[in-house]
Amino acid sequence: TYQLIDKTNMQYGIRIGIYFPDNEQVEKMVNTDGVNLFYDSIEN
């Protein structure tokens, strides 16, 4: 997927904007419930 972002930008001469998640929220989630918490429940 990352390779495709670069290839698309180069082919069309554009720059796709990229938005990242808030690092503090990610850290809190992972430290509380694990890196693969999504397998445990639909809620997670």
All heavy atoms as atom14 arrays in JSON, in Angstrom:
{
  "sequence": "TYQLIDKTNMQYGIRIGIYFPDNEQVEKMVNTDGVNLFYDSIEN",
  "atom14_mask": [
    [1, 1, 1, 1, 1, 1, 1, 0, 0, 0, 0, 0, 0, 0],
    [1, 1, 1, 1, 1, 1, 1, 1, 1, 1, 1, 1, 0, 0],
    [1, 1, 1, 1, 1, 1, 1, 1, 1, 0, 0, 0, 0, 0],
    [1, 1, 1, 1, 1, 1, 1, 1, 0, 0, 0, 0, 0, 0],
    [1, 1, 1, 1, 1, 1, 1, 1, 0, 0, 0, 0, 0, 0],
    [1, 1, 1, 1, 1, 1, 1, 1, 0, 0, 0, 0, 0, 0],
    [1, 1, 1, 1, 1, 1, 1, 1, 1, 0, 0, 0, 0, 0],
    [1, 1, 1, 1, 1, 1, 1, 0, 0, 0, 0, 0, 0, 0],
    [1, 1, 1, 1, 1, 1, 1, 1, 0, 0, 0, 0, 0, 0],
    [1, 1, 1, 1, 1, 1, 1, 1, 0, 0, 0, 0, 0, 0],
    [1, 1, 1, 1, 1, 1, 1, 1, 1, 0, 0, 0, 0, 0],
    [1, 1, 1, 1, 1, 1, 1, 1, 1, 1, 1, 1, 0, 0],
    [1, 1, 1, 1, 0, 0, 0, 0, 0, 0, 0, 0, 0, 0],
    [1, 1, 1, 1, 1, 1, 1, 1, 0, 0, 0, 0, 0, 0],
    [1, 1, 1, 1, 1, 1, 1, 1, 1, 1, 1, 0, 0, 0],
    [1, 1, 1, 1, 1, 1, 1, 1, 0, 0, 0, 0, 0, 0],
    [1, 1, 1, 1, 0, 0, 0, 0, 0, 0, 0, 0, 0, 0],
    [1, 1, 1, 1, 1, 1, 1, 1, 0, 0, 0, 0, 0, 0],
    [1, 1, 1, 1, 1, 1, 1, 1, 1, 1, 1, 1, 0, 0],
    [1, 1, 1, 1, 1, 1, 1, 1, 1, 1, 1, 0, 0, 0],
    [1, 1, 1, 1, 1, 1, 1, 0, 0, 0, 0, 0, 0, 0],
    [1, 1, 1, 1, 1, 1, 1, 1, 0, 0, 0, 0, 0, 0],
    [1, 1, 1, 1, 1, 1, 1, 1, 0, 0, 0, 0, 0, 0],
    [1, 1, 1, 1, 1, 1, 1, 1, 1, 0, 0, 0, 0, 0],
    [1, 1, 1, 1, 1, 1, 1, 1, 1, 0, 0, 0, 0, 0],
    [1, 1, 1, 1, 1, 1, 1, 0, 0, 0, 0, 0, 0, 0],
    [1, 1, 1, 1, 1, 1, 1, 1, 1, 0, 0, 0, 0, 0],
    [1, 1, 1, 1, 1, 1, 1, 1, 1, 0, 0, 0, 0, 0],
    [1, 1, 1, 1, 1, 1, 1, 1, 0, 0, 0, 0, 0, 0],
    [1, 1, 1, 1, 1, 1, 1, 0, 0, 0, 0, 0, 0, 0],
    [1, 1, 1, 1, 1, 1, 1, 1, 0, 0, 0, 0, 0, 0],
    [1, 1, 1, 1, 1, 1, 1, 0, 0, 0, 0, 0, 0, 0],
    [1, 1, 1, 1, 1, 1, 1, 1, 0, 0, 0, 0, 0, 0],
    [1, 1, 1, 1, 0, 0, 0, 0, 0, 0, 0, 0, 0, 0],
    [1, 1, 1, 1, 1, 1, 1, 0, 0, 0, 0, 0, 0, 0],
    [1, 1, 1, 1, 1, 1, 1, 1, 0, 0, 0, 0, 0, 0],
    [1, 1, 1, 1, 1, 1, 1, 1, 0, 0, 0, 0, 0, 0],
    [1, 1, 1, 1, 1, 1, 1, 1, 1, 1, 1, 0, 0, 0],
    [1, 1, 1, 1, 1, 1, 1, 1, 1, 1, 1, 1, 0, 0],
    [1, 1, 1, 1, 1, 1, 1, 1, 0, 0, 0, 0, 0, 0],
    [1, 1, 1, 1, 1, 1, 0, 0, 0, 0, 0, 0, 0, 0],
    [1, 1, 1, 1, 1, 1, 1, 1, 0, 0, 0, 0, 0, 0],
    [1, 1, 1, 1, 1, 1, 1, 1, 1, 0, 0, 0, 0, 0],
    [1, 1, 1, 1, 1, 1, 1, 1, 0, 0, 0, 0, 0, 0]
  ],
  "atom14_positions": [
    [[0.83, -1.2, 0.0], [0.0, 0.0, 0.0], [0.87, 1.26, 0.0], [0.6, 2.22, -0.72], [-0.95, 0.0, 1.21], [-1.74, -1.2, 1.18], [-1.87, 1.21, 1.19], [0.0, 0.0, 0.0], [0.0, 0.0, 0.0], [0.0, 0.0, 0.0], [0.0, 0.0, 0.0], [0.0, 0.0, 0.0], [0.0, 0.0, 0.0], [0.0, 0.0, 0.0]],
    [[1.92, 1.23, 0.8], [2.84, 2.38, 0.81], [3.52, 2.54, -0.56], [3.71, 3.66, -1.04], [3.89, 2.2, 1.9], [3.32, 2.27, 3.29], [3.28, 1.14, 4.11], [2.82, 3.47, 3.8], [2.75, 1.2, 5.4], [2.29, 3.54, 5.09], [2.25, 2.39, 5.88], [1.73, 2.46, 7.14], [0.0, 0.0, 0.0], [0.0, 0.0, 0.0]],
    [[3.86, 1.41, -1.18], [4.46, 1.46, -2.5], [3.51, 2.09, -3.52], [3.92, 2.85, -4.39], [4.87, 0.06, -2.95], [6.01, -0.55, -2.14], [6.15, -2.05, -2.33], [5.51, -2.64, -3.21], [6.98, -2.68, -1.51], [0.0, 0.0, 0.0], [0.0, 0.0, 0.0], [0.0, 0.0, 0.0], [0.0, 0.0, 0.0], [0.0, 0.0, 0.0]],
    [[2.23, 1.77, -3.36], [1.23, 2.31, -4.29], [1.07, 3.82, -4.13], [0.87, 4.53, -5.12], [-0.12, 1.61, -4.06], [-1.27, 2.08, -4.96], [-0.94, 1.85, -6.44], [-2.57, 1.36, -4.6], [0.0, 0.0, 0.0], [0.0, 0.0, 0.0], [0.0, 0.0, 0.0], [0.0, 0.0, 0.0], [0.0, 0.0, 0.0], [0.0, 0.0, 0.0]],
    [[1.16, 4.31, -2.9], [1.08, 5.76, -2.69], [2.18, 6.46, -3.47], [1.94, 7.43, -4.2], [1.2, 6.1, -1.18], [-0.03, 5.59, -0.43], [1.34, 7.61, -0.99], [0.08, 5.72, 1.09], [0.0, 0.0, 0.0], [0.0, 0.0, 0.0], [0.0, 0.0, 0.0], [0.0, 0.0, 0.0], [0.0, 0.0, 0.0], [0.0, 0.0, 0.0]],
    [[3.4, 5.95, -3.35], [4.53, 6.55, -4.07], [4.35, 6.45, -5.58], [4.6, 7.42, -6.31], [5.84, 5.86, -3.67], [6.38, 6.35, -2.33], [5.93, 7.42, -1.87], [7.23, 5.66, -1.75], [0.0, 0.0, 0.0], [0.0, 0.0, 0.0], [0.0, 0.0, 0.0], [0.0, 0.0, 0.0], [0.0, 0.0, 0.0], [0.0, 0.0, 0.0]],
    [[3.92, 5.28, -6.04], [3.76, 5.09, -7.49], [2.68, 6.01, -8.05], [2.84, 6.58, -9.14], [3.4, 3.62, -7.78], [3.34, 3.31, -9.27], [3.15, 1.83, -9.52], [3.14, 1.53, -11.02], [2.99, 0.08, -11.3], [0.0, 0.0, 0.0], [0.0, 0.0, 0.0], [0.0, 0.0, 0.0], [0.0, 0.0, 0.0], [0.0, 0.0, 0.0]],
    [[1.59, 6.19, -7.31], [0.51, 7.06, -7.76], [0.97, 8.51, -7.82], [0.7, 9.22, -8.79], [-0.71, 6.93, -6.81], [-1.12, 5.56, -6.75], [-1.87, 7.79, -7.3], [0.0, 0.0, 0.0], [0.0, 0.0, 0.0], [0.0, 0.0, 0.0], [0.0, 0.0, 0.0], [0.0, 0.0, 0.0], [0.0, 0.0, 0.0], [0.0, 0.0, 0.0]],
    [[1.69, 8.94, -6.79], [2.22, 10.31, -6.79], [3.14, 10.56, -7.98], [3.06, 11.6, -8.64], [2.99, 10.57, -5.49], [2.09, 10.83, -4.31], [0.95, 11.28, -4.45], [2.59, 10.55, -3.11], [0.0, 0.0, 0.0], [0.0, 0.0, 0.0], [0.0, 0.0, 0.0], [0.0, 0.0, 0.0], [0.0, 0.0, 0.0], [0.0, 0.0, 0.0]],
    [[3.99, 9.6, -8.26], [4.96, 9.77, -9.36], [4.27, 9.73, -10.72], [4.59, 10.53, -11.6], [6.04, 8.69, -9.27], [7.02, 8.89, -8.13], [8.42, 7.74, -8.18], [7.62, 6.21, -7.75], [0.0, 0.0, 0.0], [0.0, 0.0, 0.0], [0.0, 0.0, 0.0], [0.0, 0.0, 0.0], [0.0, 0.0, 0.0], [0.0, 0.0, 0.0]],
    [[3.32, 8.81, -10.9], [2.67, 8.67, -12.2], [1.87, 9.92, -12.57], [1.86, 10.34, -13.73], [1.76, 7.44, -12.22], [1.0, 7.27, -13.54], [0.5, 5.86, -13.74], [1.17, 4.89, -13.39], [-0.69, 5.73, -14.32], [0.0, 0.0, 0.0], [0.0, 0.0, 0.0], [0.0, 0.0, 0.0], [0.0, 0.0, 0.0], [0.0, 0.0, 0.0]],
    [[1.18, 10.51, -11.59], [0.3, 11.65, -11.89], [0.94, 13.0, -11.57], [0.33, 14.03, -11.86], [-1.01, 11.5, -11.13], [-1.83, 10.3, -11.57], [-1.97, 9.19, -10.75], [-2.43, 10.27, -12.83], [-2.71, 8.09, -11.16], [-3.16, 9.18, -13.25], [-3.3, 8.08, -12.41], [-4.02, 7.0, -12.83], [0.0, 0.0, 0.0], [0.0, 0.0, 0.0]],
    [[2.11, 12.98, -10.96], [2.74, 14.24, -10.61], [1.96, 15.0, -9.54], [1.83, 16.22, -9.59], [0.0, 0.0, 0.0], [0.0, 0.0, 0.0], [0.0, 0.0, 0.0], [0.0, 0.0, 0.0], [0.0, 0.0, 0.0], [0.0, 0.0, 0.0], [0.0, 0.0, 0.0], [0.0, 0.0, 0.0], [0.0, 0.0, 0.0], [0.0, 0.0, 0.0]],
    [[1.44, 14.25, -8.56], [0.64, 14.84, -7.49], [1.25, 14.48, -6.14], [2.27, 13.78, -6.08], [-0.83, 14.33, -7.54], [-0.88, 12.8, -7.37], [-1.48, 14.76, -8.85], [-2.29, 12.24, -7.25], [0.0, 0.0, 0.0], [0.0, 0.0, 0.0], [0.0, 0.0, 0.0], [0.0, 0.0, 0.0], [0.0, 0.0, 0.0], [0.0, 0.0, 0.0]],
    [[0.64, 14.95, -5.09], [1.06, 14.59, -3.74], [-0.2, 14.28, -2.94], [-0.93, 15.19, -2.56], [1.85, 15.73, -3.1], [2.36, 15.44, -1.7], [3.41, 14.34, -1.68], [4.59, 14.69, -2.46], [5.6, 13.85, -2.67], [5.54, 12.62, -2.16], [6.64, 14.21, -3.39], [0.0, 0.0, 0.0], [0.0, 0.0, 0.0], [0.0, 0.0, 0.0]],
    [[-0.46, 13.0, -2.72], [-1.61, 12.59, -1.92], [-1.37, 13.01, -0.48], [-0.33, 12.7, 0.11], [-1.82, 11.07, -2.01], [-2.17, 10.66, -3.45], [-2.91, 10.61, -1.04], [-2.23, 9.16, -3.67], [0.0, 0.0, 0.0], [0.0, 0.0, 0.0], [0.0, 0.0, 0.0], [0.0, 0.0, 0.0], [0.0, 0.0, 0.0], [0.0, 0.0, 0.0]],
    [[-2.34, 13.71, 0.11], [-2.22, 14.11, 1.5], [-2.36, 12.9, 2.41], [-3.11, 11.97, 2.11], [0.0, 0.0, 0.0], [0.0, 0.0, 0.0], [0.0, 0.0, 0.0], [0.0, 0.0, 0.0], [0.0, 0.0, 0.0], [0.0, 0.0, 0.0], [0.0, 0.0, 0.0], [0.0, 0.0, 0.0], [0.0, 0.0, 0.0], [0.0, 0.0, 0.0]],
    [[-1.63, 12.88, 3.51], [-1.66, 11.74, 4.43], [-1.98, 12.22, 5.84], [-1.36, 13.16, 6.34], [-0.33, 10.97, 4.43], [-0.05, 10.41, 3.03], [-0.34, 9.85, 5.47], [1.25, 9.65, 2.9], [0.0, 0.0, 0.0], [0.0, 0.0, 0.0], [0.0, 0.0, 0.0], [0.0, 0.0, 0.0], [0.0, 0.0, 0.0], [0.0, 0.0, 0.0]],
    [[-2.98, 11.58, 6.44], [-3.36, 11.89, 7.82], [-3.04, 10.69, 8.71], [-3.37, 9.55, 8.37], [-4.86, 12.2, 7.91], [-5.21, 13.56, 7.34], [-5.38, 13.72, 5.96], [-5.36, 14.66, 8.17], [-5.7, 14.97, 5.43], [-5.67, 15.92, 7.64], [-5.84, 16.06, 6.28], [-6.15, 17.29, 5.76], [0.0, 0.0, 0.0], [0.0, 0.0, 0.0]],
    [[-2.4, 10.97, 9.84], [-2.02, 9.93, 10.8], [-2.91, 9.99, 12.03], [-3.44, 11.05, 12.37], [-0.56, 10.13, 11.23], [0.45, 9.98, 10.13], [0.88, 11.08, 9.4], [0.95, 8.73, 9.8], [1.81, 10.96, 8.38], [1.88, 8.58, 8.79], [2.31, 9.7, 8.07], [0.0, 0.0, 0.0], [0.0, 0.0, 0.0], [0.0, 0.0, 0.0]],
    [[-3.04, 8.88, 12.75], [-3.79, 8.91, 14.01], [-3.0, 9.64, 15.08], [-1.77, 9.79, 14.99], [-3.94, 7.42, 14.37], [-2.81, 6.74, 13.68], [-2.58, 7.52, 12.41], [0.0, 0.0, 0.0], [0.0, 0.0, 0.0], [0.0, 0.0, 0.0], [0.0, 0.0, 0.0], [0.0, 0.0, 0.0], [0.0, 0.0, 0.0], [0.0, 0.0, 0.0]],
    [[-3.69, 10.09, 16.11], [-3.05, 10.76, 17.23], [-2.17, 9.77, 17.98], [-2.63, 8.74, 18.45], [-4.12, 11.33, 18.17], [-3.52, 12.02, 19.37], [-3.11, 13.17, 19.25], [-3.47, 11.36, 20.44], [0.0, 0.0, 0.0], [0.0, 0.0, 0.0], [0.0, 0.0, 0.0], [0.0, 0.0, 0.0], [0.0, 0.0, 0.0], [0.0, 0.0, 0.0]],
    [[-0.89, 10.07, 18.11], [0.04, 9.1, 18.7], [-0.27, 8.79, 20.16], [-0.09, 7.66, 20.62], [1.48, 9.6, 18.56], [1.78, 10.84, 19.39], [1.18, 11.88, 19.16], [2.69, 10.73, 20.35], [0.0, 0.0, 0.0], [0.0, 0.0, 0.0], [0.0, 0.0, 0.0], [0.0, 0.0, 0.0], [0.0, 0.0, 0.0], [0.0, 0.0, 0.0]],
    [[-0.75, 9.77, 20.91], [-1.06, 9.53, 22.32], [-2.22, 8.56, 22.48], [-2.21, 7.69, 23.37], [-1.35, 10.85, 23.02], [-0.12, 11.74, 23.17], [-0.41, 12.99, 23.97], [-1.57, 13.16, 24.43], [0.51, 13.81, 24.14], [0.0, 0.0, 0.0], [0.0, 0.0, 0.0], [0.0, 0.0, 0.0], [0.0, 0.0, 0.0], [0.0, 0.0, 0.0]],
    [[-3.24, 8.7, 21.63], [-4.37, 7.79, 21.68], [-3.96, 6.36, 21.31], [-4.39, 5.4, 21.95], [-5.48, 8.25, 20.73], [-6.18, 9.52, 21.17], [-7.39, 9.81, 20.3], [-8.27, 8.97, 20.12], [-7.42, 11.01, 19.74], [0.0, 0.0, 0.0], [0.0, 0.0, 0.0], [0.0, 0.0, 0.0], [0.0, 0.0, 0.0], [0.0, 0.0, 0.0]],
    [[-3.1, 6.24, 20.29], [-2.63, 4.91, 19.88], [-1.8, 4.28, 20.99], [-1.99, 3.09, 21.33], [-1.8, 5.01, 18.58], [-1.18, 3.65, 18.25], [-2.66, 5.47, 17.42], [0.0, 0.0, 0.0], [0.0, 0.0, 0.0], [0.0, 0.0, 0.0], [0.0, 0.0, 0.0], [0.0, 0.0, 0.0], [0.0, 0.0, 0.0], [0.0, 0.0, 0.0]],
    [[-0.91, 5.03, 21.57], [-0.07, 4.5, 22.65], [-0.92, 4.03, 23.83], [-0.68, 2.95, 24.39], [0.92, 5.57, 23.11], [2.05, 5.81, 22.13], [2.96, 6.95, 22.56], [2.75, 7.49, 23.67], [3.87, 7.31, 21.79], [0.0, 0.0, 0.0], [0.0, 0.0, 0.0], [0.0, 0.0, 0.0], [0.0, 0.0, 0.0], [0.0, 0.0, 0.0]],
    [[-1.88, 4.82, 24.22], [-2.74, 4.46, 25.35], [-3.52, 3.18, 25.05], [-3.61, 2.28, 25.89], [-3.7, 5.6, 25.67], [-4.6, 5.32, 26.86], [-5.51, 6.51, 27.16], [-6.43, 6.19, 28.33], [-7.34, 7.35, 28.63], [0.0, 0.0, 0.0], [0.0, 0.0, 0.0], [0.0, 0.0, 0.0], [0.0, 0.0, 0.0], [0.0, 0.0, 0.0]],
    [[-4.08, 3.08, 23.86], [-4.85, 1.91, 23.46], [-4.0, 0.65, 23.47], [-4.38, -0.39, 24.03], [-5.46, 2.12, 22.07], [-6.19, 0.92, 21.5], [-6.88, 1.26, 19.85], [-5.4, 1.49, 18.86], [0.0, 0.0, 0.0], [0.0, 0.0, 0.0], [0.0, 0.0, 0.0], [0.0, 0.0, 0.0], [0.0, 0.0, 0.0], [0.0, 0.0, 0.0]],
    [[-2.84, 0.72, 22.84], [-1.96, -0.44, 22.73], [-1.4, -0.86, 24.09], [-1.33, -2.05, 24.41], [-0.82, -0.15, 21.72], [0.23, -1.25, 21.78], [-1.38, -0.02, 20.31], [0.0, 0.0, 0.0], [0.0, 0.0, 0.0], [0.0, 0.0, 0.0], [0.0, 0.0, 0.0], [0.0, 0.0, 0.0], [0.0, 0.0, 0.0], [0.0, 0.0, 0.0]],
    [[-1.01, 0.11, 24.9], [-0.47, -0.2, 26.22], [-1.53, -0.76, 27.17], [-1.21, -1.5, 28.09], [0.19, 1.03, 26.83], [1.53, 1.35, 26.19], [2.31, 0.44, 25.91], [1.81, 2.62, 25.96], [0.0, 0.0, 0.0], [0.0, 0.0, 0.0], [0.0, 0.0, 0.0], [0.0, 0.0, 0.0], [0.0, 0.0, 0.0], [0.0, 0.0, 0.0]],
    [[-2.79, -0.41, 26.91], [-3.88, -0.88, 27.77], [-4.4, -2.24, 27.34], [-4.6, -3.15, 28.17], [-5.03, 0.13, 27.77], [-4.57, 1.39, 28.24], [-6.17, -0.35, 28.68], [0.0, 0.0, 0.0], [0.0, 0.0, 0.0], [0.0, 0.0, 0.0], [0.0, 0.0, 0.0], [0.0, 0.0, 0.0], [0.0, 0.0, 0.0], [0.0, 0.0, 0.0]],
    [[-4.6, -2.42, 26.04], [-5.29, -3.62, 25.54], [-4.49, -4.47, 24.57], [-4.99, -5.46, 24.07], [-6.61, -3.21, 24.89], [-7.59, -2.63, 25.91], [-7.86, -3.31, 26.92], [-8.06, -1.5, 25.7], [0.0, 0.0, 0.0], [0.0, 0.0, 0.0], [0.0, 0.0, 0.0], [0.0, 0.0, 0.0], [0.0, 0.0, 0.0], [0.0, 0.0, 0.0]],
    [[-3.25, -4.09, 24.27], [-2.42, -4.92, 23.4], [-2.4, -4.43, 21.96], [-3.3, -3.73, 21.51], [0.0, 0.0, 0.0], [0.0, 0.0, 0.0], [0.0, 0.0, 0.0], [0.0, 0.0, 0.0], [0.0, 0.0, 0.0], [0.0, 0.0, 0.0], [0.0, 0.0, 0.0], [0.0, 0.0, 0.0], [0.0, 0.0, 0.0], [0.0, 0.0, 0.0]],
    [[-1.38, -4.83, 21.25], [-1.18, -4.35, 19.89], [-2.22, -4.92, 18.92], [-2.54, -4.3, 17.9], [0.26, -4.67, 19.42], [0.45, -6.17, 19.22], [0.61, -3.89, 18.16], [0.0, 0.0, 0.0], [0.0, 0.0, 0.0], [0.0, 0.0, 0.0], [0.0, 0.0, 0.0], [0.0, 0.0, 0.0], [0.0, 0.0, 0.0], [0.0, 0.0, 0.0]],
    [[-2.74, -6.11, 19.22], [-3.75, -6.73, 18.35], [-5.08, -6.9, 19.06], [-5.76, -7.93, 18.95], [-3.25, -8.1, 17.85], [-2.11, -7.96, 16.85], [-2.04, -6.98, 16.1], [-1.22, -8.93, 16.83], [0.0, 0.0, 0.0], [0.0, 0.0, 0.0], [0.0, 0.0, 0.0], [0.0, 0.0, 0.0], [0.0, 0.0, 0.0], [0.0, 0.0, 0.0]],
    [[-5.5, -5.89, 19.77], [-6.74, -5.94, 20.57], [-7.98, -6.21, 19.75], [-8.97, -6.75, 20.26], [-6.91, -4.62, 21.31], [-7.28, -3.38, 20.47], [-7.94, -2.34, 21.37], [-6.1, -2.78, 19.74], [0.0, 0.0, 0.0], [0.0, 0.0, 0.0], [0.0, 0.0, 0.0], [0.0, 0.0, 0.0], [0.0, 0.0, 0.0], [0.0, 0.0, 0.0]],
    [[-7.95, -5.88, 18.46], [-9.13, -5.99, 17.6], [-9.61, -7.42, 17.41], [-10.76, -7.64, 17.03], [-8.84, -5.35, 16.23], [-7.42, -5.52, 15.77], [-6.98, -6.7, 15.23], [-6.51, -4.48, 15.94], [-5.67, -6.86, 14.82], [-5.19, -4.62, 15.53], [-4.77, -5.81, 14.97], [0.0, 0.0, 0.0], [0.0, 0.0, 0.0], [0.0, 0.0, 0.0]],
    [[-8.76, -8.41, 17.68], [-9.19, -9.8, 17.57], [-10.05, -10.23, 18.76], [-10.75, -11.24, 18.7], [-7.99, -10.74, 17.47], [-7.15, -10.59, 16.22], [-5.76, -10.53, 16.31], [-7.74, -10.55, 14.96], [-4.97, -10.41, 15.17], [-6.96, -10.42, 13.81], [-5.58, -10.36, 13.92], [-4.81, -10.24, 12.78], [0.0, 0.0, 0.0], [0.0, 0.0, 0.0]],
    [[-10.0, -9.48, 19.86], [-10.65, -9.9, 21.1], [-12.15, -9.66, 21.11], [-12.91, -10.41, 21.73], [-10.02, -9.2, 22.3], [-8.55, -9.58, 22.49], [-8.19, -10.69, 22.06], [-7.8, -8.76, 23.04], [0.0, 0.0, 0.0], [0.0, 0.0, 0.0], [0.0, 0.0, 0.0], [0.0, 0.0, 0.0], [0.0, 0.0, 0.0], [0.0, 0.0, 0.0]],
    [[-12.6, -8.59, 20.45], [-14.03, -8.28, 20.45], [-14.34, -7.27, 19.36], [-13.44, -6.54, 18.91], [-14.47, -7.71, 21.8], [-13.89, -6.43, 22.01], [0.0, 0.0, 0.0], [0.0, 0.0, 0.0], [0.0, 0.0, 0.0], [0.0, 0.0, 0.0], [0.0, 0.0, 0.0], [0.0, 0.0, 0.0], [0.0, 0.0, 0.0], [0.0, 0.0, 0.0]],
    [[-15.6, -7.21, 18.95], [-16.03, -6.21, 17.97], [-15.84, -4.81, 18.54], [-15.44, -3.88, 17.84], [-17.49, -6.44, 17.56], [-17.62, -7.75, 16.78], [-18.01, -5.28, 16.72], [-19.03, -8.09, 16.37], [0.0, 0.0, 0.0], [0.0, 0.0, 0.0], [0.0, 0.0, 0.0], [0.0, 0.0, 0.0], [0.0, 0.0, 0.0], [0.0, 0.0, 0.0]],
    [[-16.1, -4.67, 19.84], [-15.94, -3.37, 20.49], [-14.5, -2.88, 20.39], [-14.25, -1.7, 20.09], [-16.37, -3.46, 21.96], [-17.86, -3.63, 22.19], [-18.35, -5.03, 21.82], [-17.53, -5.99, 21.84], [-19.56, -5.16, 21.51], [0.0, 0.0, 0.0], [0.0, 0.0, 0.0], [0.0, 0.0, 0.0], [0.0, 0.0, 0.0], [0.0, 0.0, 0.0]],
    [[-13.55, -3.79, 20.64], [-12.14, -3.41, 20.54], [-11.75, -3.08, 19.1], [-10.96, -2.17, 18.86], [-11.25, -4.53, 21.07], [-11.08, -4.49, 22.57], [-11.52, -3.55, 23.23], [-10.45, -5.51, 23.13], [0.0, 0.0, 0.0], [0.0, 0.0, 0.0], [0.0, 0.0, 0.0], [0.0, 0.0, 0.0], [0.0, 0.0, 0.0], [0.0, 0.0, 0.0]]
  ]
}
